[in-house]
Amino acid sequence: QVKFVESGGGLVQPGGSLRLSCQASGYITSVYAVGWYRQGPEKERALVVAISGWDEKEYGDVEKDRFTISKDNAENTVYLQINDLKPEETAVYYCNRRNSGGRALGAWGEGTQVTVSS
């Protein structure tokens, strides 16, 4: 399966912002959908937002205005800008390729930890 390396997480105060990066192991972002997921403590992994090869976006149960997904096909990288972070959004954030039905197809990477705390 395609591999992904997530980065950009860290400790931020409530209301802060982060830009996460997801680099795929192959040149797939121009063709396939890639989604950002998160899994917080005692929570199931859930979709945050995904972007297709043709820039169609699909959102999970999030506030759309605070989550912006983008990509650089030349770098085979997908980004997630999160603004006004809230403590309950503390989680490990992952990215993965998705098929048309929303199934994650790649191997899950290590993710990047986002901790929102005062």
PDB file of N, CA and C in Angstrom:
ATOM      1  N   GLN A   1       0.835  -1.191   0.000  1.00  0.00           N
ATOM      2  CA  GLN A   1       0.000   0.000   0.000  1.00  0.00           C
ATOM      3  C   GLN A   1       0.875   1.248   0.000  1.00  0.00           C
ATOM      4  N   VAL A   2       0.301   2.334  -0.494  1.00  0.00           N
ATOM      5  CA  VAL A   2       1.005   3.596  -0.479  1.00  0.00           C
ATOM      6  C   VAL A   2       1.225   4.026   0.965  1.00  0.00           C
ATOM      7  N   LYS A   3       2.364   4.646   1.198  1.00  0.00           N
ATOM      8  CA  LYS A   3       2.706   5.124   2.528  1.00  0.00           C
ATOM      9  C   LYS A   3       2.591   6.640   2.600  1.00  0.00           C
ATOM     10  N   PHE A   4       2.294   7.115   3.790  1.00  0.00           N
ATOM     11  CA  PHE A   4       2.166   8.536   4.025  1.00  0.00           C
ATOM     12  C   PHE A   4       2.966   8.918   5.255  1.00  0.00           C
ATOM     13  N   VAL A   5       3.556  10.089   5.191  1.00  0.00           N
ATOM     14  CA  VAL A   5       4.295  10.627   6.314  1.00  0.00           C
ATOM     15  C   VAL A   5       3.668  11.950   6.703  1.00  0.00           C
ATOM     16  N   GLU A   6       3.154  11.993   7.910  1.00  0.00           N
ATOM     17  CA  GLU A   6       2.503  13.188   8.417  1.00  0.00           C
ATOM     18  C   GLU A   6       3.475  13.998   9.265  1.00  0.00           C
ATOM     19  N   SER A   7       3.313  15.299   9.223  1.00  0.00           N
ATOM     20  CA  SER A   7       4.147  16.172  10.027  1.00  0.00           C
ATOM     21  C   SER A   7       3.403  17.472  10.290  1.00  0.00           C
ATOM     22  N   GLY A   8       3.958  18.272  11.159  1.00  0.00           N
ATOM     23  CA  GLY A   8       3.409  19.594  11.416  1.00  0.00           C
ATOM     24  C   GLY A   8       2.620  19.734  12.692  1.00  0.00           C
ATOM     25  N   GLY A   9       2.410  18.638  13.392  1.00  0.00           N
ATOM     26  CA  GLY A   9       1.683  18.725  14.642  1.00  0.00           C
ATOM     27  C   GLY A   9       2.524  19.339  15.734  1.00  0.00           C
ATOM     28  N   GLY A  10       1.910  19.476  16.879  1.00  0.00           N
ATOM     29  CA  GLY A  10       2.613  20.049  18.010  1.00  0.00           C
ATOM     30  C   GLY A  10       1.651  20.500  19.077  1.00  0.00           C
ATOM     31  N   LEU A  11       2.190  21.195  20.042  1.00  0.00           N
ATOM     32  CA  LEU A  11       1.402  21.735  21.142  1.00  0.00           C
ATOM     33  C   LEU A  11       1.028  23.174  20.832  1.00  0.00           C
ATOM     34  N   VAL A  12      -0.252  23.444  20.870  1.00  0.00           N
ATOM     35  CA  VAL A  12      -0.742  24.799  20.630  1.00  0.00           C
ATOM     36  C   VAL A  12      -1.766  25.160  21.690  1.00  0.00           C
ATOM     37  N   GLN A  13      -1.899  26.440  21.925  1.00  0.00           N
ATOM     38  CA  GLN A  13      -2.920  26.915  22.838  1.00  0.00           C
ATOM     39  C   GLN A  13      -4.275  26.946  22.145  1.00  0.00           C
ATOM     40  N   PRO A  14      -5.343  26.852  22.908  1.00  0.00           N
ATOM     41  CA  PRO A  14      -6.662  27.006  22.286  1.00  0.00           C
ATOM     42  C   PRO A  14      -6.730  28.294  21.487  1.00  0.00           C
ATOM     43  N   GLY A  15      -7.298  28.191  20.309  1.00  0.00           N
ATOM     44  CA  GLY A  15      -7.358  29.333  19.418  1.00  0.00           C
ATOM     45  C   GLY A  15      -6.188  29.437  18.467  1.00  0.00           C
ATOM     46  N   GLY A  16      -5.191  28.622  18.673  1.00  0.00           N
ATOM     47  CA  GLY A  16      -4.042  28.633  17.798  1.00  0.00           C
ATOM     48  C   GLY A  16      -4.302  27.901  16.499  1.00  0.00           C
ATOM     49  N   SER A  17      -3.307  27.911  15.639  1.00  0.00           N
ATOM     50  CA  SER A  17      -3.432  27.304  14.321  1.00  0.00           C
ATOM     51  C   SER A  17      -2.239  26.416  14.026  1.00  0.00           C
ATOM     52  N   LEU A  18      -2.470  25.432  13.187  1.00  0.00           N
ATOM     53  CA  LEU A  18      -1.417  24.552  12.721  1.00  0.00           C
ATOM     54  C   LEU A  18      -1.628  24.258  11.248  1.00  0.00           C
ATOM     55  N   ARG A  19      -0.535  23.996  10.567  1.00  0.00           N
ATOM     56  CA  ARG A  19      -0.592  23.519   9.196  1.00  0.00           C
ATOM     57  C   ARG A  19       0.098  22.167   9.142  1.00  0.00           C
ATOM     58  N   LEU A  20      -0.678  21.147   8.898  1.00  0.00           N
ATOM     59  CA  LEU A  20      -0.167  19.793   8.830  1.00  0.00           C
ATOM     60  C   LEU A  20       0.181  19.429   7.397  1.00  0.00           C
ATOM     61  N   SER A  21       1.184  18.588   7.250  1.00  0.00           N
ATOM     62  CA  SER A  21       1.605  18.135   5.936  1.00  0.00           C
ATOM     63  C   SER A  21       1.518  16.624   5.858  1.00  0.00           C
ATOM     64  N   CYS A  22       1.193  16.140   4.691  1.00  0.00           N
ATOM     65  CA  CYS A  22       1.082  14.711   4.434  1.00  0.00           C
ATOM     66  C   CYS A  22       1.752  14.435   3.101  1.00  0.00           C
ATOM     67  N   GLN A  23       2.875  13.757   3.142  1.00  0.00           N
ATOM     68  CA  GLN A  23       3.581  13.434   1.918  1.00  0.00           C
ATOM     69  C   GLN A  23       3.398  11.964   1.586  1.00  0.00           C
ATOM     70  N   ALA A  24       2.927  11.694   0.397  1.00  0.00           N
ATOM     71  CA  ALA A  24       2.701  10.332  -0.049  1.00  0.00           C
ATOM     72  C   ALA A  24       3.955   9.755  -0.669  1.00  0.00           C
ATOM     73  N   SER A  25       4.030   8.433  -0.668  1.00  0.00           N
ATOM     74  CA  SER A  25       5.209   7.751  -1.179  1.00  0.00           C
ATOM     75  C   SER A  25       5.231   7.639  -2.691  1.00  0.00           C
ATOM     76  N   GLY A  26       4.151   8.016  -3.337  1.00  0.00           N
ATOM     77  CA  GLY A  26       4.080   7.991  -4.782  1.00  0.00           C
ATOM     78  C   GLY A  26       3.328   9.198  -5.294  1.00  0.00           C
ATOM     79  N   TYR A  27       3.419   9.408  -6.586  1.00  0.00           N
ATOM     80  CA  TYR A  27       2.735  10.550  -7.180  1.00  0.00           C
ATOM     81  C   TYR A  27       1.278  10.195  -7.423  1.00  0.00           C
ATOM     82  N   ILE A  28       0.480  10.408  -6.402  1.00  0.00           N
ATOM     83  CA  ILE A  28      -0.912   9.997  -6.433  1.00  0.00           C
ATOM     84  C   ILE A  28      -1.901  11.131  -6.236  1.00  0.00           C
ATOM     85  N   THR A  29      -1.470  12.251  -5.710  1.00  0.00           N
ATOM     86  CA  THR A  29      -2.432  13.274  -5.319  1.00  0.00           C
ATOM     87  C   THR A  29      -3.153  13.901  -6.503  1.00  0.00           C
ATOM     88  N   SER A  30      -2.591  13.822  -7.677  1.00  0.00           N
ATOM     89  CA  SER A  30      -3.259  14.360  -8.852  1.00  0.00           C
ATOM     90  C   SER A  30      -4.336  13.427  -9.381  1.00  0.00           C
ATOM     91  N   VAL A  31      -4.359  12.217  -8.879  1.00  0.00           N
ATOM     92  CA  VAL A  31      -5.266  11.196  -9.403  1.00  0.00           C
ATOM     93  C   VAL A  31      -6.233  10.688  -8.341  1.00  0.00           C
ATOM     94  N   TYR A  32      -5.722  10.459  -7.150  1.00  0.00           N
ATOM     95  CA  TYR A  32      -6.513   9.818  -6.111  1.00  0.00           C
ATOM     96  C   TYR A  32      -6.891  10.786  -5.001  1.00  0.00           C
ATOM     97  N   ALA A  33      -7.921  10.427  -4.290  1.00  0.00           N
ATOM     98  CA  ALA A  33      -8.343  11.208  -3.140  1.00  0.00           C
ATOM     99  C   ALA A  33      -7.491  10.865  -1.928  1.00  0.00           C
ATOM    100  N   VAL A  34      -7.169  11.877  -1.171  1.00  0.00           N
ATOM    101  CA  VAL A  34      -6.424  11.711   0.063  1.00  0.00           C
ATOM    102  C   VAL A  34      -7.185  12.425   1.166  1.00  0.00           C
ATOM    103  N   GLY A  35      -7.330  11.755   2.275  1.00  0.00           N
ATOM    104  CA  GLY A  35      -8.067  12.335   3.381  1.00  0.00           C
ATOM    105  C   GLY A  35      -7.222  12.500   4.623  1.00  0.00           C
ATOM    106  N   TRP A  36      -7.572  13.507   5.388  1.00  0.00           N
ATOM    107  CA  TRP A  36      -7.038  13.681   6.723  1.00  0.00           C
ATOM    108  C   TRP A  36      -8.023  13.089   7.719  1.00  0.00           C
ATOM    109  N   TYR A  37      -7.494  12.343   8.657  1.00  0.00           N
ATOM    110  CA  TYR A  37      -8.281  11.705   9.695  1.00  0.00           C
ATOM    111  C   TYR A  37      -7.700  12.091  11.044  1.00  0.00           C
ATOM    112  N   ARG A  38      -8.473  11.898  12.074  1.00  0.00           N
ATOM    113  CA  ARG A  38      -7.938  12.113  13.406  1.00  0.00           C
ATOM    114  C   ARG A  38      -8.534  11.105  14.372  1.00  0.00           C
ATOM    115  N   GLN A  39      -7.768  10.811  15.385  1.00  0.00           N
ATOM    116  CA  GLN A  39      -8.217   9.911  16.429  1.00  0.00           C
ATOM    117  C   GLN A  39      -7.775  10.486  17.767  1.00  0.00           C
ATOM    118  N   GLY A  40      -8.738  10.948  18.521  1.00  0.00           N
ATOM    119  CA  GLY A  40      -8.466  11.470  19.842  1.00  0.00           C
ATOM    120  C   GLY A  40      -8.553  10.391  20.887  1.00  0.00           C
ATOM    121  N   PRO A  41      -8.191  10.731  22.107  1.00  0.00           N
ATOM    122  CA  PRO A  41      -8.278   9.753  23.185  1.00  0.00           C
ATOM    123  C   PRO A  41      -9.694   9.209  23.328  1.00  0.00           C
ATOM    124  N   GLU A  42      -9.796   7.913  23.390  1.00  0.00           N
ATOM    125  CA  GLU A  42     -11.081   7.239  23.581  1.00  0.00           C
ATOM    126  C   GLU A  42     -12.068   7.545  22.456  1.00  0.00           C
ATOM    127  N   LYS A  43     -11.557   7.861  21.300  1.00  0.00           N
ATOM    128  CA  LYS A  43     -12.408   8.120  20.151  1.00  0.00           C
ATOM    129  C   LYS A  43     -11.974   7.249  18.979  1.00  0.00           C
ATOM    130  N   GLU A  44     -12.908   7.009  18.086  1.00  0.00           N
ATOM    131  CA  GLU A  44     -12.591   6.284  16.870  1.00  0.00           C
ATOM    132  C   GLU A  44     -11.962   7.229  15.854  1.00  0.00           C
ATOM    133  N   ARG A  45     -11.149   6.669  14.995  1.00  0.00           N
ATOM    134  CA  ARG A  45     -10.572   7.464  13.924  1.00  0.00           C
ATOM    135  C   ARG A  45     -11.679   7.911  12.982  1.00  0.00           C
ATOM    136  N   ALA A  46     -11.673   9.170  12.652  1.00  0.00           N
ATOM    137  CA  ALA A  46     -12.736   9.726  11.840  1.00  0.00           C
ATOM    138  C   ALA A  46     -12.163  10.682  10.804  1.00  0.00           C
ATOM    139  N   LEU A  47     -12.865  10.797   9.711  1.00  0.00           N
ATOM    140  CA  LEU A  47     -12.467  11.709   8.649  1.00  0.00           C
ATOM    141  C   LEU A  47     -12.594  13.153   9.110  1.00  0.00           C
ATOM    142  N   VAL A  48     -11.593  13.937   8.797  1.00  0.00           N
ATOM    143  CA  VAL A  48     -11.666  15.380   8.971  1.00  0.00           C
ATOM    144  C   VAL A  48     -12.107  16.007   7.655  1.00  0.00           C
ATOM    145  N   VAL A  49     -11.285  15.859   6.632  1.00  0.00           N
ATOM    146  CA  VAL A  49     -11.623  16.341   5.307  1.00  0.00           C
ATOM    147  C   VAL A  49     -10.727  15.644   4.298  1.00  0.00           C
ATOM    148  N   ALA A  50     -11.259  15.410   3.113  1.00  0.00           N
ATOM    149  CA  ALA A  50     -10.508  14.772   2.049  1.00  0.00           C
ATOM    150  C   ALA A  50     -10.533  15.635   0.803  1.00  0.00           C
ATOM    151  N   ILE A  51      -9.555  15.421  -0.046  1.00  0.00           N
ATOM    152  CA  ILE A  51      -9.490  16.123  -1.316  1.00  0.00           C
ATOM    153  C   ILE A  51      -9.176  15.114  -2.409  1.00  0.00           C
ATOM    154  N   SER A  52      -9.900  15.188  -3.503  1.00  0.00           N
ATOM    155  CA  SER A  52      -9.693  14.263  -4.597  1.00  0.00           C
ATOM    156  C   SER A  52      -8.618  14.777  -5.536  1.00  0.00           C
ATOM    157  N   GLY A  53      -8.262  13.939  -6.501  1.00  0.00           N
ATOM    158  CA  GLY A  53      -7.287  14.348  -7.487  1.00  0.00           C
ATOM    159  C   GLY A  53      -7.738  15.528  -8.312  1.00  0.00           C
ATOM    160  N   TRP A  54      -9.050  15.729  -8.392  1.00  0.00           N
ATOM    161  CA  TRP A  54      -9.601  16.833  -9.157  1.00  0.00           C
ATOM    162  C   TRP A  54     -10.161  17.926  -8.242  1.00  0.00           C
ATOM    163  N   ASP A  55      -9.714  17.944  -7.002  1.00  0.00           N
ATOM    164  CA  ASP A  55      -9.970  18.994  -6.020  1.00  0.00           C
ATOM    165  C   ASP A  55     -11.375  18.995  -5.440  1.00  0.00           C
ATOM    166  N   GLU A  56     -12.090  17.929  -5.606  1.00  0.00           N
ATOM    167  CA  GLU A  56     -13.367  17.795  -4.906  1.00  0.00           C
ATOM    168  C   GLU A  56     -13.080  17.548  -3.426  1.00  0.00           C
ATOM    169  N   LYS A  57     -13.833  18.181  -2.562  1.00  0.00           N
ATOM    170  CA  LYS A  57     -13.616  18.059  -1.131  1.00  0.00           C
ATOM    171  C   LYS A  57     -14.781  17.369  -0.453  1.00  0.00           C
ATOM    172  N   GLU A  58     -14.455  16.596   0.549  1.00  0.00           N
ATOM    173  CA  GLU A  58     -15.451  15.925   1.362  1.00  0.00           C
ATOM    174  C   GLU A  58     -15.092  16.149   2.823  1.00  0.00           C
ATOM    175  N   TYR A  59     -16.052  16.627   3.591  1.00  0.00           N
ATOM    176  CA  TYR A  59     -15.814  16.960   4.983  1.00  0.00           C
ATOM    177  C   TYR A  59     -16.427  15.942   5.912  1.00  0.00           C
ATOM    178  N   GLY A  60     -15.722  15.683   6.981  1.00  0.00           N
ATOM    179  CA  GLY A  60     -16.285  14.918   8.068  1.00  0.00           C
ATOM    180  C   GLY A  60     -17.091  15.827   8.962  1.00  0.00           C
ATOM    181  N   ASP A  61     -17.292  15.388  10.179  1.00  0.00           N
ATOM    182  CA  ASP A  61     -18.089  16.158  11.127  1.00  0.00           C
ATOM    183  C   ASP A  61     -17.215  17.220  11.780  1.00  0.00           C
ATOM    184  N   VAL A  62     -16.900  18.241  11.005  1.00  0.00           N
ATOM    185  CA  VAL A  62     -16.060  19.328  11.479  1.00  0.00           C
ATOM    186  C   VAL A  62     -16.651  20.655  11.036  1.00  0.00           C
ATOM    187  N   GLU A  63     -16.171  21.715  11.641  1.00  0.00           N
ATOM    188  CA  GLU A  63     -16.559  23.054  11.226  1.00  0.00           C
ATOM    189  C   GLU A  63     -15.742  23.422   9.999  1.00  0.00           C
ATOM    190  N   LYS A  64     -16.395  23.479   8.876  1.00  0.00           N
ATOM    191  CA  LYS A  64     -15.713  23.663   7.599  1.00  0.00           C
ATOM    192  C   LYS A  64     -14.871  24.931   7.552  1.00  0.00           C
ATOM    193  N   ASP A  65     -15.323  25.971   8.202  1.00  0.00           N
ATOM    194  CA  ASP A  65     -14.622  27.250   8.129  1.00  0.00           C
ATOM    195  C   ASP A  65     -13.254  27.213   8.788  1.00  0.00           C
ATOM    196  N   ARG A  66     -13.017  26.258   9.645  1.00  0.00           N
ATOM    197  CA  ARG A  66     -11.751  26.195  10.365  1.00  0.00           C
ATOM    198  C   ARG A  66     -10.766  25.191   9.771  1.00  0.00           C
ATOM    199  N   PHE A  67     -11.198  24.410   8.810  1.00  0.00           N
ATOM    200  CA  PHE A  67     -10.351  23.372   8.229  1.00  0.00           C
ATOM    201  C   PHE A  67     -10.214  23.604   6.741  1.00  0.00           C
ATOM    202  N   THR A  68      -8.996  23.784   6.296  1.00  0.00           N
ATOM    203  CA  THR A  68      -8.731  24.018   4.895  1.00  0.00           C
ATOM    204  C   THR A  68      -7.747  22.975   4.383  1.00  0.00           C
ATOM    205  N   ILE A  69      -8.181  22.205   3.407  1.00  0.00           N
ATOM    206  CA  ILE A  69      -7.316  21.200   2.818  1.00  0.00           C
ATOM    207  C   ILE A  69      -6.822  21.709   1.471  1.00  0.00           C
ATOM    208  N   SER A  70      -5.583  21.432   1.179  1.00  0.00           N
ATOM    209  CA  SER A  70      -4.988  21.825  -0.081  1.00  0.00           C
ATOM    210  C   SER A  70      -3.916  20.813  -0.441  1.00  0.00           C
ATOM    211  N   LYS A  71      -3.359  20.946  -1.631  1.00  0.00           N
ATOM    212  CA  LYS A  71      -2.344  19.987  -2.035  1.00  0.00           C
ATOM    213  C   LYS A  71      -1.377  20.589  -3.034  1.00  0.00           C
ATOM    214  N   ASP A  72      -0.244  19.951  -3.136  1.00  0.00           N
ATOM    215  CA  ASP A  72       0.781  20.288  -4.115  1.00  0.00           C
ATOM    216  C   ASP A  72       1.086  19.001  -4.851  1.00  0.00           C
ATOM    217  N   ASN A  73       0.562  18.880  -6.044  1.00  0.00           N
ATOM    218  CA  ASN A  73       0.738  17.633  -6.784  1.00  0.00           C
ATOM    219  C   ASN A  73       2.196  17.370  -7.143  1.00  0.00           C
ATOM    220  N   ALA A  74       2.942  18.414  -7.406  1.00  0.00           N
ATOM    221  CA  ALA A  74       4.348  18.235  -7.745  1.00  0.00           C
ATOM    222  C   ALA A  74       5.123  17.623  -6.586  1.00  0.00           C
ATOM    223  N   GLU A  75       4.720  17.969  -5.371  1.00  0.00           N
ATOM    224  CA  GLU A  75       5.371  17.426  -4.187  1.00  0.00           C
ATOM    225  C   GLU A  75       4.632  16.217  -3.634  1.00  0.00           C
ATOM    226  N   ASN A  76       3.514  15.879  -4.256  1.00  0.00           N
ATOM    227  CA  ASN A  76       2.700  14.756  -3.795  1.00  0.00           C
ATOM    228  C   ASN A  76       2.377  14.908  -2.311  1.00  0.00           C
ATOM    229  N   THR A  77       1.975  16.101  -1.955  1.00  0.00           N
ATOM    230  CA  THR A  77       1.749  16.444  -0.561  1.00  0.00           C
ATOM    231  C   THR A  77       0.383  17.091  -0.394  1.00  0.00           C
ATOM    232  N   VAL A  78      -0.299  16.697   0.650  1.00  0.00           N
ATOM    233  CA  VAL A  78      -1.586  17.273   1.014  1.00  0.00           C
ATOM    234  C   VAL A  78      -1.425  17.992   2.339  1.00  0.00           C
ATOM    235  N   TYR A  79      -2.023  19.153   2.439  1.00  0.00           N
ATOM    236  CA  TYR A  79      -1.906  19.973   3.627  1.00  0.00           C
ATOM    237  C   TYR A  79      -3.260  20.128   4.306  1.00  0.00           C
ATOM    238  N   LEU A  80      -3.199  20.352   5.599  1.00  0.00           N
ATOM    239  CA  LEU A  80      -4.392  20.660   6.359  1.00  0.00           C
ATOM    240  C   LEU A  80      -4.099  21.844   7.261  1.00  0.00           C
ATOM    241  N   GLN A  81      -4.740  22.954   6.973  1.00  0.00           N
ATOM    242  CA  GLN A  81      -4.657  24.130   7.814  1.00  0.00           C
ATOM    243  C   GLN A  81      -5.826  24.105   8.780  1.00  0.00           C
ATOM    244  N   ILE A  82      -5.516  24.162  10.050  1.00  0.00           N
ATOM    245  CA  ILE A  82      -6.547  24.173  11.073  1.00  0.00           C
ATOM    246  C   ILE A  82      -6.418  25.473  11.846  1.00  0.00           C
ATOM    247  N   ASN A  83      -7.495  26.216  11.910  1.00  0.00           N
ATOM    248  CA  ASN A  83      -7.521  27.470  12.648  1.00  0.00           C
ATOM    249  C   ASN A  83      -8.409  27.349  13.868  1.00  0.00           C
ATOM    250  N   ASP A  84      -8.133  28.203  14.838  1.00  0.00           N
ATOM    251  CA  ASP A  84      -8.943  28.268  16.051  1.00  0.00           C
ATOM    252  C   ASP A  84      -9.102  26.888  16.678  1.00  0.00           C
ATOM    253  N   LEU A  85      -7.999  26.255  16.931  1.00  0.00           N
ATOM    254  CA  LEU A  85      -8.027  24.915  17.485  1.00  0.00           C
ATOM    255  C   LEU A  85      -8.643  24.886  18.873  1.00  0.00           C
ATOM    256  N   LYS A  86      -9.350  23.807  19.138  1.00  0.00           N
ATOM    257  CA  LYS A  86     -10.040  23.626  20.401  1.00  0.00           C
ATOM    258  C   LYS A  86      -9.469  22.428  21.132  1.00  0.00           C
ATOM    259  N   PRO A  87      -9.515  22.438  22.449  1.00  0.00           N
ATOM    260  CA  PRO A  87      -8.928  21.337  23.214  1.00  0.00           C
ATOM    261  C   PRO A  87      -9.476  19.971  22.824  1.00  0.00           C
ATOM    262  N   GLU A  88     -10.750  19.898  22.506  1.00  0.00           N
ATOM    263  CA  GLU A  88     -11.345  18.622  22.145  1.00  0.00           C
ATOM    264  C   GLU A  88     -10.849  18.086  20.807  1.00  0.00           C
ATOM    265  N   GLU A  89     -10.095  18.898  20.086  1.00  0.00           N
ATOM    266  CA  GLU A  89      -9.526  18.458  18.825  1.00  0.00           C
ATOM    267  C   GLU A  89      -8.114  17.914  18.988  1.00  0.00           C
ATOM    268  N   THR A  90      -7.695  17.771  20.224  1.00  0.00           N
ATOM    269  CA  THR A  90      -6.455  17.065  20.499  1.00  0.00           C
ATOM    270  C   THR A  90      -6.578  15.643  19.974  1.00  0.00           C
ATOM    271  N   ALA A  91      -5.646  15.241  19.146  1.00  0.00           N
ATOM    272  CA  ALA A  91      -5.734  13.939  18.510  1.00  0.00           C
ATOM    273  C   ALA A  91      -4.461  13.670  17.729  1.00  0.00           C
ATOM    274  N   VAL A  92      -4.321  12.431  17.326  1.00  0.00           N
ATOM    275  CA  VAL A  92      -3.325  12.091  16.326  1.00  0.00           C
ATOM    276  C   VAL A  92      -3.987  12.249  14.967  1.00  0.00           C
ATOM    277  N   TYR A  93      -3.363  13.007  14.113  1.00  0.00           N
ATOM    278  CA  TYR A  93      -3.908  13.271  12.790  1.00  0.00           C
ATOM    279  C   TYR A  93      -3.164  12.432  11.752  1.00  0.00           C
ATOM    280  N   TYR A  94      -3.922  11.741  10.942  1.00  0.00           N
ATOM    281  CA  TYR A  94      -3.383  10.845   9.930  1.00  0.00           C
ATOM    282  C   TYR A  94      -3.853  11.279   8.548  1.00  0.00           C
ATOM    283  N   CYS A  95      -3.148  10.822   7.540  1.00  0.00           N
ATOM    284  CA  CYS A  95      -3.654  10.951   6.191  1.00  0.00           C
ATOM    285  C   CYS A  95      -3.584   9.602   5.511  1.00  0.00           C
ATOM    286  N   ASN A  96      -4.416   9.444   4.494  1.00  0.00           N
ATOM    287  CA  ASN A  96      -4.457   8.178   3.784  1.00  0.00           C
ATOM    288  C   ASN A  96      -5.199   8.361   2.468  1.00  0.00           C
ATOM    289  N   ARG A  97      -4.876   7.511   1.528  1.00  0.00           N
ATOM    290  CA  ARG A  97      -5.604   7.474   0.270  1.00  0.00           C
ATOM    291  C   ARG A  97      -6.992   6.911   0.516  1.00  0.00           C
ATOM    292  N   ARG A  98      -7.955   7.398  -0.238  1.00  0.00           N
ATOM    293  CA  ARG A  98      -9.336   6.936  -0.138  1.00  0.00           C
ATOM    294  C   ARG A  98      -9.832   6.483  -1.502  1.00  0.00           C
ATOM    295  N   ASN A  99     -10.670   5.470  -1.474  1.00  0.00           N
ATOM    296  CA  ASN A  99     -11.318   5.090  -2.722  1.00  0.00           C
ATOM    297  C   ASN A  99     -12.629   5.856  -2.853  1.00  0.00           C
ATOM    298  N   SER A 100     -13.345   5.568  -3.911  1.00  0.00           N
ATOM    299  CA  SER A 100     -14.569   6.323  -4.175  1.00  0.00           C
ATOM    300  C   SER A 100     -15.621   6.132  -3.102  1.00  0.00           C
ATOM    301  N   GLY A 101     -15.549   5.031  -2.374  1.00  0.00           N
ATOM    302  CA  GLY A 101     -16.489   4.790  -1.305  1.00  0.00           C
ATOM    303  C   GLY A 101     -16.042   5.300   0.051  1.00  0.00           C
ATOM    304  N   GLY A 102     -14.888   5.945   0.091  1.00  0.00           N
ATOM    305  CA  GLY A 102     -14.398   6.502   1.334  1.00  0.00           C
ATOM    306  C   GLY A 102     -13.526   5.563   2.152  1.00  0.00           C
ATOM    307  N   ARG A 103     -13.228   4.411   1.618  1.00  0.00           N
ATOM    308  CA  ARG A 103     -12.389   3.459   2.338  1.00  0.00           C
ATOM    309  C   ARG A 103     -10.934   3.867   2.255  1.00  0.00           C
ATOM    310  N   ALA A 104     -10.257   3.863   3.372  1.00  0.00           N
ATOM    311  CA  ALA A 104      -8.828   4.131   3.394  1.00  0.00           C
ATOM    312  C   ALA A 104      -8.086   2.950   2.801  1.00  0.00           C
ATOM    313  N   LEU A 105      -7.195   3.232   1.875  1.00  0.00           N
ATOM    314  CA  LEU A 105      -6.541   2.172   1.120  1.00  0.00           C
ATOM    315  C   LEU A 105      -5.084   1.957   1.484  1.00  0.00           C
ATOM    316  N   GLY A 106      -4.422   2.963   1.963  1.00  0.00           N
ATOM    317  CA  GLY A 106      -3.019   2.838   2.278  1.00  0.00           C
ATOM    318  C   GLY A 106      -2.789   2.324   3.683  1.00  0.00           C
ATOM    319  N   ALA A 107      -1.536   2.041   3.949  1.00  0.00           N
ATOM    320  CA  ALA A 107      -1.157   1.693   5.307  1.00  0.00           C
ATOM    321  C   ALA A 107      -1.207   2.947   6.177  1.00  0.00           C
ATOM    322  N   TRP A 108      -1.686   2.777   7.379  1.00  0.00           N
ATOM    323  CA  TRP A 108      -1.714   3.903   8.303  1.00  0.00           C
ATOM    324  C   TRP A 108      -0.313   4.198   8.803  1.00  0.00           C
ATOM    325  N   GLY A 109       0.053   5.453   8.728  1.00  0.00           N
ATOM    326  CA  GLY A 109       1.350   5.864   9.220  1.00  0.00           C
ATOM    327  C   GLY A 109       1.307   6.153  10.700  1.00  0.00           C
ATOM    328  N   GLU A 110       2.339   6.827  11.162  1.00  0.00           N
ATOM    329  CA  GLU A 110       2.419   7.152  12.576  1.00  0.00           C
ATOM    330  C   GLU A 110       1.520   8.310  12.964  1.00  0.00           C
ATOM    331  N   GLY A 111       1.132   9.106  11.992  1.00  0.00           N
ATOM    332  CA  GLY A 111       0.336  10.276  12.290  1.00  0.00           C
ATOM    333  C   GLY A 111       1.187  11.379  12.903  1.00  0.00           C
ATOM    334  N   THR A 112       0.550  12.497  13.128  1.00  0.00           N
ATOM    335  CA  THR A 112       1.215  13.605  13.793  1.00  0.00           C
ATOM    336  C   THR A 112       0.321  14.082  14.940  1.00  0.00           C
ATOM    337  N   GLN A 113       0.914  14.225  16.098  1.00  0.00           N
ATOM    338  CA  GLN A 113       0.149  14.555  17.293  1.00  0.00           C
ATOM    339  C   GLN A 113      -0.152  16.047  17.339  1.00  0.00           C
ATOM    340  N   VAL A 114      -1.413  16.346  17.524  1.00  0.00           N
ATOM    341  CA  VAL A 114      -1.853  17.716  17.761  1.00  0.00           C
ATOM    342  C   VAL A 114      -2.401  17.777  19.176  1.00  0.00           C
ATOM    343  N   THR A 115      -1.812  18.610  19.980  1.00  0.00           N
ATOM    344  CA  THR A 115      -2.264  18.784  21.352  1.00  0.00           C
ATOM    345  C   THR A 115      -2.659  20.230  21.557  1.00  0.00           C
ATOM    346  N   VAL A 116      -3.901  20.429  21.942  1.00  0.00           N
ATOM    347  CA  VAL A 116      -4.434  21.770  22.158  1.00  0.00           C
ATOM    348  C   VAL A 116      -4.684  21.930  23.653  1.00  0.00           C
ATOM    349  N   SER A 117      -3.887  22.746  24.271  1.00  0.00           N
ATOM    350  CA  SER A 117      -3.965  22.883  25.722  1.00  0.00           C
ATOM    351  C   SER A 117      -3.386  24.212  26.154  1.00  0.00           C
ATOM    352  N   SER A 118      -3.945  24.737  27.230  1.00  0.00           N
ATOM    353  CA  SER A 118      -3.400  25.939  27.838  1.00  0.00           C
ATOM    354  C   SER A 118      -2.216  25.613  28.732  1.00  0.00           C
TER     355      SER A 118
END
